[in-house]
Amino acid sequence: MNRRAFLLLSLYVPFAALAAQPGKVQNLDDALRWLDAMNANGTAKMSGAWPLTAVLDHLAQSIEMSMDGYPESKSALFQGTAGAAAFAYFKWRGRMSHDLAAPIPGAAPLAKGDWQAPALRLRAAIKRFEAHSGVLKPHFAYGDLSKADYAIAHTLHIANHQDEISTA
């Protein structure tokens, strides 16, 4: 294998690591199936700081804000350096790791109560994102992302929060 082929392969192989994580969403269609399974099962247990209602609401907010805009953003310098590097690293390794109890800066308070309404909100946000053909807003930390990169960011974000959700 020549050097160029090796380098290109090394850029794509780590994202396949997500596929090696059983039960984790690997794309936004998987996220919809995960919501279907959670709804059919009727129960989910949380091991983190937030209740399921808040997590689902947070995930929906993130997707909606990619189309509507984030209320607060890091500086352009941060987005172009540390933020862009963080996203590139998450994308490269096929896995995100972030503070699972950190709200989106400036976002509305997260939902409380029954989890079905935020699950419907998340489903609607995913469907809206998939159908969206307009300009996407810069991510509050990562800056400008293409639709494909936003889909990866949303997928990795959902998969990271799945670390604290058990539906079995």
N, C-alpha and C. Protein backbone atom coordinates (compact mmCIF):
# COMPACT_ATOMS: atom_id res chain seq x y z
N MET A 1 0.85 -1.17 0.00
CA MET A 1 0.00 0.00 0.00
C MET A 1 0.90 1.24 0.00
N ASN A 2 0.60 2.19 -0.89
CA ASN A 2 1.41 3.39 -0.91
C ASN A 2 1.02 4.33 0.23
N ARG A 3 1.84 5.32 0.47
CA ARG A 3 1.65 6.23 1.60
C ARG A 3 0.32 6.98 1.50
N ARG A 4 -0.02 7.46 0.31
CA ARG A 4 -1.26 8.21 0.13
C ARG A 4 -2.47 7.34 0.45
N ALA A 5 -2.49 6.14 -0.04
CA ALA A 5 -3.61 5.23 0.23
C ALA A 5 -3.71 4.93 1.72
N PHE A 6 -2.55 4.74 2.37
CA PHE A 6 -2.55 4.49 3.81
C PHE A 6 -3.13 5.67 4.57
N LEU A 7 -2.72 6.89 4.20
CA LEU A 7 -3.23 8.08 4.88
C LEU A 7 -4.73 8.26 4.66
N LEU A 8 -5.19 8.04 3.46
CA LEU A 8 -6.62 8.15 3.19
C LEU A 8 -7.41 7.11 3.97
N LEU A 9 -6.92 5.89 4.01
CA LEU A 9 -7.58 4.84 4.76
C LEU A 9 -7.62 5.17 6.25
N SER A 10 -6.53 5.73 6.77
CA SER A 10 -6.48 6.05 8.20
C SER A 10 -7.47 7.14 8.57
N LEU A 11 -7.88 7.96 7.59
CA LEU A 11 -8.86 9.00 7.86
C LEU A 11 -10.27 8.43 7.99
N TYR A 12 -10.55 7.32 7.30
CA TYR A 12 -11.90 6.78 7.27
C TYR A 12 -12.12 5.61 8.22
N VAL A 13 -11.12 4.87 8.53
CA VAL A 13 -11.28 3.68 9.36
C VAL A 13 -11.79 3.99 10.76
N PRO A 14 -11.29 5.02 11.47
CA PRO A 14 -11.77 5.24 12.83
C PRO A 14 -13.27 5.47 12.93
N PHE A 15 -13.91 6.14 11.94
CA PHE A 15 -15.35 6.33 12.02
C PHE A 15 -16.06 4.99 12.03
N ALA A 16 -15.45 3.97 11.45
CA ALA A 16 -16.02 2.62 11.48
C ALA A 16 -16.03 2.06 12.89
N ALA A 17 -15.26 2.65 13.80
CA ALA A 17 -15.26 2.19 15.19
C ALA A 17 -16.64 2.32 15.81
N LEU A 18 -17.43 3.28 15.34
CA LEU A 18 -18.79 3.43 15.83
C LEU A 18 -19.59 2.17 15.54
N ALA A 19 -19.34 1.56 14.41
CA ALA A 19 -20.05 0.33 14.04
C ALA A 19 -19.71 -0.81 14.98
N ALA A 20 -18.56 -0.73 15.63
CA ALA A 20 -18.13 -1.79 16.54
C ALA A 20 -18.76 -1.64 17.93
N GLN A 21 -19.59 -0.62 18.10
CA GLN A 21 -20.25 -0.39 19.38
C GLN A 21 -21.70 -0.86 19.27
N PRO A 22 -21.99 -2.09 19.66
CA PRO A 22 -23.34 -2.62 19.52
C PRO A 22 -24.38 -1.73 20.21
N GLY A 23 -25.49 -1.52 19.53
CA GLY A 23 -26.59 -0.75 20.10
C GLY A 23 -26.46 0.74 19.95
N LYS A 24 -25.31 1.23 19.50
CA LYS A 24 -25.12 2.67 19.33
C LYS A 24 -25.65 3.09 17.96
N VAL A 25 -26.26 4.28 17.94
CA VAL A 25 -26.72 4.78 16.65
C VAL A 25 -25.50 5.07 15.78
N GLN A 26 -25.64 4.77 14.50
CA GLN A 26 -24.54 4.98 13.55
C GLN A 26 -24.89 6.04 12.52
N ASN A 27 -26.14 6.47 12.51
CA ASN A 27 -26.59 7.54 11.63
C ASN A 27 -27.94 8.01 12.16
N LEU A 28 -28.50 9.03 11.55
CA LEU A 28 -29.75 9.59 12.07
C LEU A 28 -30.93 8.66 11.86
N ASP A 29 -30.91 7.82 10.83
CA ASP A 29 -31.97 6.83 10.67
C ASP A 29 -31.93 5.83 11.83
N ASP A 30 -30.74 5.45 12.26
CA ASP A 30 -30.61 4.59 13.45
C ASP A 30 -31.19 5.27 14.68
N ALA A 31 -31.00 6.57 14.77
CA ALA A 31 -31.54 7.31 15.92
C ALA A 31 -33.07 7.22 15.94
N LEU A 32 -33.68 7.29 14.76
CA LEU A 32 -35.14 7.15 14.69
C LEU A 32 -35.56 5.74 15.10
N ARG A 33 -34.81 4.74 14.67
CA ARG A 33 -35.13 3.35 15.07
C ARG A 33 -34.92 3.16 16.57
N TRP A 34 -33.89 3.80 17.12
CA TRP A 34 -33.63 3.74 18.56
C TRP A 34 -34.81 4.35 19.33
N LEU A 35 -35.33 5.48 18.85
CA LEU A 35 -36.50 6.10 19.48
C LEU A 35 -37.71 5.18 19.38
N ASP A 36 -37.89 4.51 18.23
CA ASP A 36 -38.99 3.55 18.06
C ASP A 36 -38.87 2.42 19.09
N ALA A 37 -37.67 1.89 19.23
CA ALA A 37 -37.44 0.78 20.17
C ALA A 37 -37.69 1.23 21.61
N MET A 38 -37.26 2.43 21.93
CA MET A 38 -37.46 2.94 23.28
C MET A 38 -38.95 3.12 23.55
N ASN A 39 -39.67 3.61 22.55
CA ASN A 39 -41.11 3.79 22.69
C ASN A 39 -41.83 2.45 22.82
N ALA A 40 -41.41 1.46 22.03
CA ALA A 40 -42.03 0.13 22.09
C ALA A 40 -41.75 -0.53 23.43
N ASN A 41 -40.54 -0.36 23.93
CA ASN A 41 -40.15 -0.95 25.21
C ASN A 41 -40.88 -0.24 26.36
N GLY A 42 -41.04 1.08 26.22
CA GLY A 42 -41.76 1.86 27.23
C GLY A 42 -40.96 2.24 28.45
N THR A 43 -39.74 1.75 28.55
CA THR A 43 -38.93 2.10 29.71
C THR A 43 -37.50 2.38 29.29
N ALA A 44 -36.87 3.22 30.04
CA ALA A 44 -35.44 3.48 29.87
C ALA A 44 -34.90 3.89 31.23
N LYS A 45 -33.70 3.44 31.51
CA LYS A 45 -33.07 3.78 32.77
C LYS A 45 -31.86 4.67 32.50
N MET A 46 -31.71 5.67 33.34
CA MET A 46 -30.61 6.62 33.20
C MET A 46 -29.58 6.36 34.29
N SER A 47 -28.33 6.51 33.91
CA SER A 47 -27.26 6.38 34.90
C SER A 47 -26.53 7.70 35.11
N GLY A 48 -26.96 8.75 34.43
CA GLY A 48 -26.28 10.04 34.51
C GLY A 48 -27.00 11.04 35.38
N ALA A 49 -26.54 12.27 35.30
CA ALA A 49 -27.07 13.35 36.13
C ALA A 49 -28.45 13.82 35.67
N TRP A 50 -28.74 13.70 34.38
CA TRP A 50 -30.00 14.19 33.85
C TRP A 50 -31.01 13.08 33.71
N PRO A 51 -32.30 13.40 33.88
CA PRO A 51 -33.34 12.41 33.55
C PRO A 51 -33.45 12.26 32.03
N LEU A 52 -34.05 11.19 31.58
CA LEU A 52 -34.20 10.93 30.16
C LEU A 52 -34.89 12.08 29.44
N THR A 53 -35.88 12.67 30.07
CA THR A 53 -36.60 13.80 29.49
C THR A 53 -35.63 14.91 29.10
N ALA A 54 -34.73 15.26 29.99
CA ALA A 54 -33.76 16.34 29.74
C ALA A 54 -32.79 15.96 28.63
N VAL A 55 -32.34 14.71 28.62
CA VAL A 55 -31.38 14.27 27.60
C VAL A 55 -32.01 14.36 26.22
N LEU A 56 -33.22 13.85 26.07
CA LEU A 56 -33.89 13.88 24.76
C LEU A 56 -34.16 15.31 24.32
N ASP A 57 -34.54 16.16 25.26
CA ASP A 57 -34.78 17.57 24.95
C ASP A 57 -33.48 18.25 24.50
N HIS A 58 -32.38 17.95 25.19
CA HIS A 58 -31.06 18.49 24.86
C HIS A 58 -30.64 18.07 23.46
N LEU A 59 -30.85 16.81 23.12
CA LEU A 59 -30.50 16.31 21.78
C LEU A 59 -31.33 17.01 20.71
N ALA A 60 -32.61 17.20 20.99
CA ALA A 60 -33.48 17.91 20.04
C ALA A 60 -33.02 19.35 19.88
N GLN A 61 -32.71 20.02 20.99
CA GLN A 61 -32.23 21.41 20.92
C GLN A 61 -31.02 21.51 20.00
N SER A 62 -30.08 20.61 20.17
CA SER A 62 -28.85 20.65 19.39
C SER A 62 -29.13 20.56 17.90
N ILE A 63 -30.00 19.66 17.52
CA ILE A 63 -30.33 19.49 16.10
C ILE A 63 -31.08 20.71 15.58
N GLU A 64 -32.06 21.18 16.35
CA GLU A 64 -32.83 22.36 15.94
C GLU A 64 -31.91 23.58 15.78
N MET A 65 -30.97 23.74 16.69
CA MET A 65 -30.09 24.91 16.65
C MET A 65 -29.12 24.87 15.47
N SER A 66 -28.87 23.67 14.94
CA SER A 66 -28.01 23.61 13.75
C SER A 66 -28.71 24.28 12.56
N MET A 67 -30.04 24.36 12.61
CA MET A 67 -30.79 25.01 11.54
C MET A 67 -31.23 26.43 11.92
N ASP A 68 -31.51 26.65 13.21
CA ASP A 68 -32.06 27.93 13.66
C ASP A 68 -31.03 28.86 14.26
N GLY A 69 -29.90 28.34 14.67
CA GLY A 69 -28.86 29.15 15.29
C GLY A 69 -28.76 28.87 16.79
N TYR A 70 -27.55 28.96 17.28
CA TYR A 70 -27.29 28.76 18.70
C TYR A 70 -27.38 30.10 19.42
N PRO A 71 -27.94 30.13 20.63
CA PRO A 71 -28.11 31.40 21.33
C PRO A 71 -26.78 32.05 21.74
N GLU A 72 -25.77 31.25 22.00
CA GLU A 72 -24.45 31.75 22.37
C GLU A 72 -23.40 30.91 21.64
N SER A 73 -22.32 31.55 21.27
CA SER A 73 -21.25 30.82 20.57
C SER A 73 -19.90 31.16 21.18
N LYS A 74 -18.99 30.23 21.02
CA LYS A 74 -17.59 30.50 21.36
C LYS A 74 -17.06 31.49 20.33
N SER A 75 -15.92 32.08 20.62
CA SER A 75 -15.33 33.05 19.69
C SER A 75 -14.96 32.38 18.37
N ALA A 76 -14.84 33.18 17.32
CA ALA A 76 -14.42 32.67 16.02
C ALA A 76 -13.04 32.03 16.14
N LEU A 77 -12.18 32.60 16.97
CA LEU A 77 -10.85 32.03 17.17
C LEU A 77 -10.96 30.63 17.77
N PHE A 78 -11.80 30.47 18.79
CA PHE A 78 -12.00 29.15 19.40
C PHE A 78 -12.56 28.17 18.38
N GLN A 79 -13.61 28.60 17.66
CA GLN A 79 -14.24 27.71 16.68
C GLN A 79 -13.24 27.26 15.61
N GLY A 80 -12.38 28.17 15.20
CA GLY A 80 -11.43 27.85 14.13
C GLY A 80 -10.21 27.07 14.59
N THR A 81 -10.03 26.95 15.89
CA THR A 81 -8.86 26.22 16.41
C THR A 81 -9.31 25.03 17.24
N ALA A 82 -9.50 25.26 18.52
CA ALA A 82 -9.84 24.16 19.44
C ALA A 82 -11.15 23.47 19.07
N GLY A 83 -12.17 24.25 18.69
CA GLY A 83 -13.45 23.66 18.32
C GLY A 83 -13.36 22.79 17.08
N ALA A 84 -12.72 23.33 16.05
CA ALA A 84 -12.55 22.57 14.81
C ALA A 84 -11.70 21.32 15.05
N ALA A 85 -10.67 21.46 15.88
CA ALA A 85 -9.80 20.31 16.19
C ALA A 85 -10.57 19.24 16.96
N ALA A 86 -11.41 19.66 17.91
CA ALA A 86 -12.20 18.70 18.68
C ALA A 86 -13.13 17.92 17.77
N PHE A 87 -13.84 18.62 16.88
CA PHE A 87 -14.74 17.92 15.97
C PHE A 87 -13.97 16.98 15.05
N ALA A 88 -12.86 17.44 14.52
CA ALA A 88 -12.04 16.58 13.64
C ALA A 88 -11.60 15.32 14.38
N TYR A 89 -11.23 15.47 15.64
CA TYR A 89 -10.81 14.31 16.43
C TYR A 89 -11.98 13.35 16.66
N PHE A 90 -13.14 13.89 17.06
CA PHE A 90 -14.31 13.04 17.29
C PHE A 90 -14.68 12.31 16.00
N LYS A 91 -14.68 13.02 14.90
CA LYS A 91 -15.02 12.42 13.61
C LYS A 91 -14.00 11.34 13.24
N TRP A 92 -12.75 11.63 13.45
CA TRP A 92 -11.68 10.68 13.12
C TRP A 92 -11.81 9.39 13.91
N ARG A 93 -12.07 9.53 15.21
CA ARG A 93 -12.14 8.31 16.03
C ARG A 93 -13.52 7.66 16.02
N GLY A 94 -14.52 8.35 15.47
CA GLY A 94 -15.86 7.79 15.38
C GLY A 94 -16.59 7.76 16.71
N ARG A 95 -16.22 8.64 17.58
CA ARG A 95 -16.82 8.67 18.91
C ARG A 95 -16.62 10.03 19.54
N MET A 96 -17.64 10.53 20.16
CA MET A 96 -17.57 11.80 20.87
C MET A 96 -17.49 11.53 22.36
N SER A 97 -16.81 12.37 23.07
CA SER A 97 -16.85 12.34 24.53
C SER A 97 -16.91 13.79 24.99
N HIS A 98 -17.97 14.10 25.70
CA HIS A 98 -18.14 15.45 26.23
C HIS A 98 -18.87 15.37 27.56
N ASP A 99 -18.93 16.48 28.27
CA ASP A 99 -19.63 16.53 29.56
C ASP A 99 -21.11 16.29 29.30
N LEU A 100 -21.61 15.14 29.72
CA LEU A 100 -22.99 14.76 29.44
C LEU A 100 -24.02 15.51 30.28
N ALA A 101 -23.56 16.34 31.19
CA ALA A 101 -24.46 17.15 32.00
C ALA A 101 -24.30 18.64 31.70
N ALA A 102 -23.64 18.96 30.58
CA ALA A 102 -23.44 20.37 30.21
C ALA A 102 -24.51 20.79 29.22
N PRO A 103 -25.32 21.79 29.57
CA PRO A 103 -26.32 22.27 28.62
C PRO A 103 -25.65 23.06 27.50
N ILE A 104 -26.38 23.25 26.43
CA ILE A 104 -25.91 24.10 25.33
C ILE A 104 -25.93 25.53 25.86
N PRO A 105 -24.83 26.27 25.71
CA PRO A 105 -24.79 27.63 26.25
C PRO A 105 -25.95 28.49 25.77
N GLY A 106 -26.67 29.07 26.72
CA GLY A 106 -27.78 29.96 26.40
C GLY A 106 -29.08 29.27 26.02
N ALA A 107 -29.10 27.95 26.00
CA ALA A 107 -30.31 27.22 25.60
C ALA A 107 -31.38 27.32 26.68
N ALA A 108 -32.61 27.15 26.24
CA ALA A 108 -33.75 27.16 27.17
C ALA A 108 -33.60 26.02 28.16
N PRO A 109 -34.20 26.16 29.34
CA PRO A 109 -34.16 25.06 30.31
C PRO A 109 -34.71 23.78 29.70
N LEU A 110 -34.15 22.67 30.15
CA LEU A 110 -34.54 21.36 29.61
C LEU A 110 -35.86 20.89 30.20
N ALA A 111 -36.57 20.09 29.43
CA ALA A 111 -37.89 19.59 29.81
C ALA A 111 -37.82 18.74 31.07
N LYS A 112 -38.94 18.72 31.76
CA LYS A 112 -39.11 17.85 32.92
C LYS A 112 -40.39 17.07 32.70
N GLY A 113 -40.50 15.95 33.41
CA GLY A 113 -41.73 15.17 33.31
C GLY A 113 -41.55 13.93 32.46
N ASP A 114 -42.60 13.64 31.71
CA ASP A 114 -42.65 12.44 30.88
C ASP A 114 -41.69 12.56 29.70
N TRP A 115 -41.06 11.46 29.31
CA TRP A 115 -40.05 11.49 28.26
C TRP A 115 -40.62 11.40 26.85
N GLN A 116 -41.92 11.05 26.71
CA GLN A 116 -42.47 10.86 25.37
C GLN A 116 -42.51 12.16 24.56
N ALA A 117 -42.84 13.29 25.19
CA ALA A 117 -42.89 14.55 24.45
C ALA A 117 -41.51 14.96 23.93
N PRO A 118 -40.45 14.91 24.74
CA PRO A 118 -39.13 15.20 24.19
C PRO A 118 -38.67 14.18 23.14
N ALA A 119 -39.12 12.94 23.25
CA ALA A 119 -38.79 11.93 22.23
C ALA A 119 -39.43 12.32 20.90
N LEU A 120 -40.67 12.80 20.95
CA LEU A 120 -41.35 13.27 19.73
C LEU A 120 -40.64 14.50 19.17
N ARG A 121 -40.19 15.38 20.07
CA ARG A 121 -39.46 16.58 19.63
C ARG A 121 -38.16 16.19 18.93
N LEU A 122 -37.45 15.22 19.51
CA LEU A 122 -36.20 14.76 18.90
C LEU A 122 -36.48 14.15 17.53
N ARG A 123 -37.51 13.33 17.43
CA ARG A 123 -37.88 12.72 16.15
C ARG A 123 -38.19 13.81 15.12
N ALA A 124 -38.95 14.80 15.51
CA ALA A 124 -39.30 15.90 14.59
C ALA A 124 -38.05 16.68 14.18
N ALA A 125 -37.14 16.89 15.11
CA ALA A 125 -35.90 17.62 14.80
C ALA A 125 -35.06 16.85 13.79
N ILE A 126 -34.95 15.54 13.97
CA ILE A 126 -34.19 14.71 13.04
C ILE A 126 -34.82 14.77 11.64
N LYS A 127 -36.13 14.59 11.58
CA LYS A 127 -36.83 14.63 10.29
C LYS A 127 -36.66 16.00 9.61
N ARG A 128 -36.77 17.05 10.41
CA ARG A 128 -36.61 18.40 9.86
C ARG A 128 -35.19 18.60 9.34
N PHE A 129 -34.20 18.13 10.10
CA PHE A 129 -32.81 18.25 9.67
C PHE A 129 -32.59 17.49 8.36
N GLU A 130 -33.11 16.28 8.28
CA GLU A 130 -32.94 15.48 7.07
C GLU A 130 -33.55 16.16 5.85
N ALA A 131 -34.66 16.86 6.04
CA ALA A 131 -35.35 17.53 4.92
C ALA A 131 -34.80 18.93 4.65
N HIS A 132 -34.01 19.45 5.55
CA HIS A 132 -33.51 20.83 5.44
C HIS A 132 -32.58 20.99 4.24
N SER A 133 -32.85 21.99 3.43
CA SER A 133 -32.00 22.24 2.26
C SER A 133 -31.38 23.63 2.31
N GLY A 134 -31.67 24.37 3.36
CA GLY A 134 -31.12 25.72 3.48
C GLY A 134 -29.74 25.73 4.12
N VAL A 135 -29.28 26.91 4.39
CA VAL A 135 -27.98 27.11 5.03
C VAL A 135 -28.07 26.68 6.48
N LEU A 136 -27.06 26.00 6.94
CA LEU A 136 -26.99 25.60 8.35
C LEU A 136 -26.21 26.66 9.12
N LYS A 137 -26.56 26.81 10.39
CA LYS A 137 -25.92 27.81 11.24
C LYS A 137 -24.62 27.23 11.81
N PRO A 138 -23.66 28.08 12.10
CA PRO A 138 -22.41 27.58 12.70
C PRO A 138 -22.68 26.93 14.06
N HIS A 139 -21.99 25.84 14.31
CA HIS A 139 -22.07 25.17 15.61
C HIS A 139 -21.44 26.09 16.65
N PHE A 140 -21.98 26.11 17.84
CA PHE A 140 -21.49 27.05 18.85
C PHE A 140 -20.02 26.83 19.21
N ALA A 141 -19.51 25.62 19.04
CA ALA A 141 -18.11 25.34 19.36
C ALA A 141 -17.29 24.96 18.13
N TYR A 142 -17.89 24.22 17.19
CA TYR A 142 -17.14 23.70 16.05
C TYR A 142 -17.11 24.66 14.86
N GLY A 143 -17.97 25.66 14.85
CA GLY A 143 -18.03 26.60 13.73
C GLY A 143 -18.83 26.04 12.57
N ASP A 144 -18.48 26.47 11.36
CA ASP A 144 -19.21 26.05 10.17
C ASP A 144 -18.99 24.57 9.89
N LEU A 145 -20.10 23.86 9.68
CA LEU A 145 -20.06 22.44 9.32
C LEU A 145 -20.94 22.23 8.10
N SER A 146 -20.54 21.32 7.25
CA SER A 146 -21.40 20.92 6.13
C SER A 146 -22.57 20.12 6.69
N LYS A 147 -23.57 19.87 5.87
CA LYS A 147 -24.70 19.05 6.31
C LYS A 147 -24.22 17.65 6.68
N ALA A 148 -23.31 17.09 5.88
CA ALA A 148 -22.79 15.75 6.18
C ALA A 148 -22.04 15.74 7.51
N ASP A 149 -21.24 16.77 7.76
CA ASP A 149 -20.52 16.82 9.04
C ASP A 149 -21.47 17.07 10.20
N TYR A 150 -22.49 17.88 9.99
CA TYR A 150 -23.49 18.07 11.05
C TYR A 150 -24.20 16.75 11.35
N ALA A 151 -24.51 15.97 10.32
CA ALA A 151 -25.16 14.67 10.54
C ALA A 151 -24.25 13.77 11.37
N ILE A 152 -22.95 13.81 11.10
CA ILE A 152 -22.00 13.04 11.90
C ILE A 152 -21.97 13.57 13.33
N ALA A 153 -21.90 14.89 13.47
CA ALA A 153 -21.87 15.49 14.82
C ALA A 153 -23.11 15.11 15.62
N HIS A 154 -24.29 15.19 14.99
CA HIS A 154 -25.52 14.83 15.68
C HIS A 154 -25.54 13.34 16.05
N THR A 155 -25.09 12.52 15.13
CA THR A 155 -25.05 11.07 15.39
C THR A 155 -24.11 10.76 16.55
N LEU A 156 -22.91 11.33 16.53
CA LEU A 156 -21.95 11.09 17.61
C LEU A 156 -22.47 11.64 18.93
N HIS A 157 -23.17 12.76 18.88
CA HIS A 157 -23.74 13.35 20.09
C HIS A 157 -24.79 12.42 20.71
N ILE A 158 -25.68 11.92 19.88
CA ILE A 158 -26.70 10.99 20.37
C ILE A 158 -26.04 9.73 20.92
N ALA A 159 -25.08 9.18 20.19
CA ALA A 159 -24.39 7.96 20.64
C ALA A 159 -23.68 8.19 21.96
N ASN A 160 -23.09 9.36 22.16
CA ASN A 160 -22.41 9.65 23.42
C ASN A 160 -23.41 9.66 24.57
N HIS A 161 -24.57 10.26 24.36
CA HIS A 161 -25.58 10.30 25.42
C HIS A 161 -26.18 8.91 25.66
N GLN A 162 -26.15 8.04 24.65
CA GLN A 162 -26.61 6.66 24.85
C GLN A 162 -25.78 5.94 25.92
N ASP A 163 -24.58 6.42 26.19
CA ASP A 163 -23.74 5.81 27.23
C ASP A 163 -24.45 5.77 28.58
N GLU A 164 -25.39 6.70 28.78
CA GLU A 164 -26.08 6.78 30.07
C GLU A 164 -27.54 6.30 30.01
N ILE A 165 -27.92 5.72 28.90
CA ILE A 165 -29.32 5.29 28.73
C ILE A 165 -29.35 3.78 28.49
N SER A 166 -30.11 3.09 29.32
CA SER A 166 -30.31 1.66 29.14
C SER A 166 -31.78 1.42 28.82
N THR A 167 -32.02 0.75 27.71
CA THR A 167 -33.41 0.48 27.31
C THR A 167 -33.76 -0.99 27.48
N ALA A 168 -32.87 -1.76 28.04
CA ALA A 168 -33.12 -3.20 28.22
C ALA A 168 -33.76 -3.47 29.56
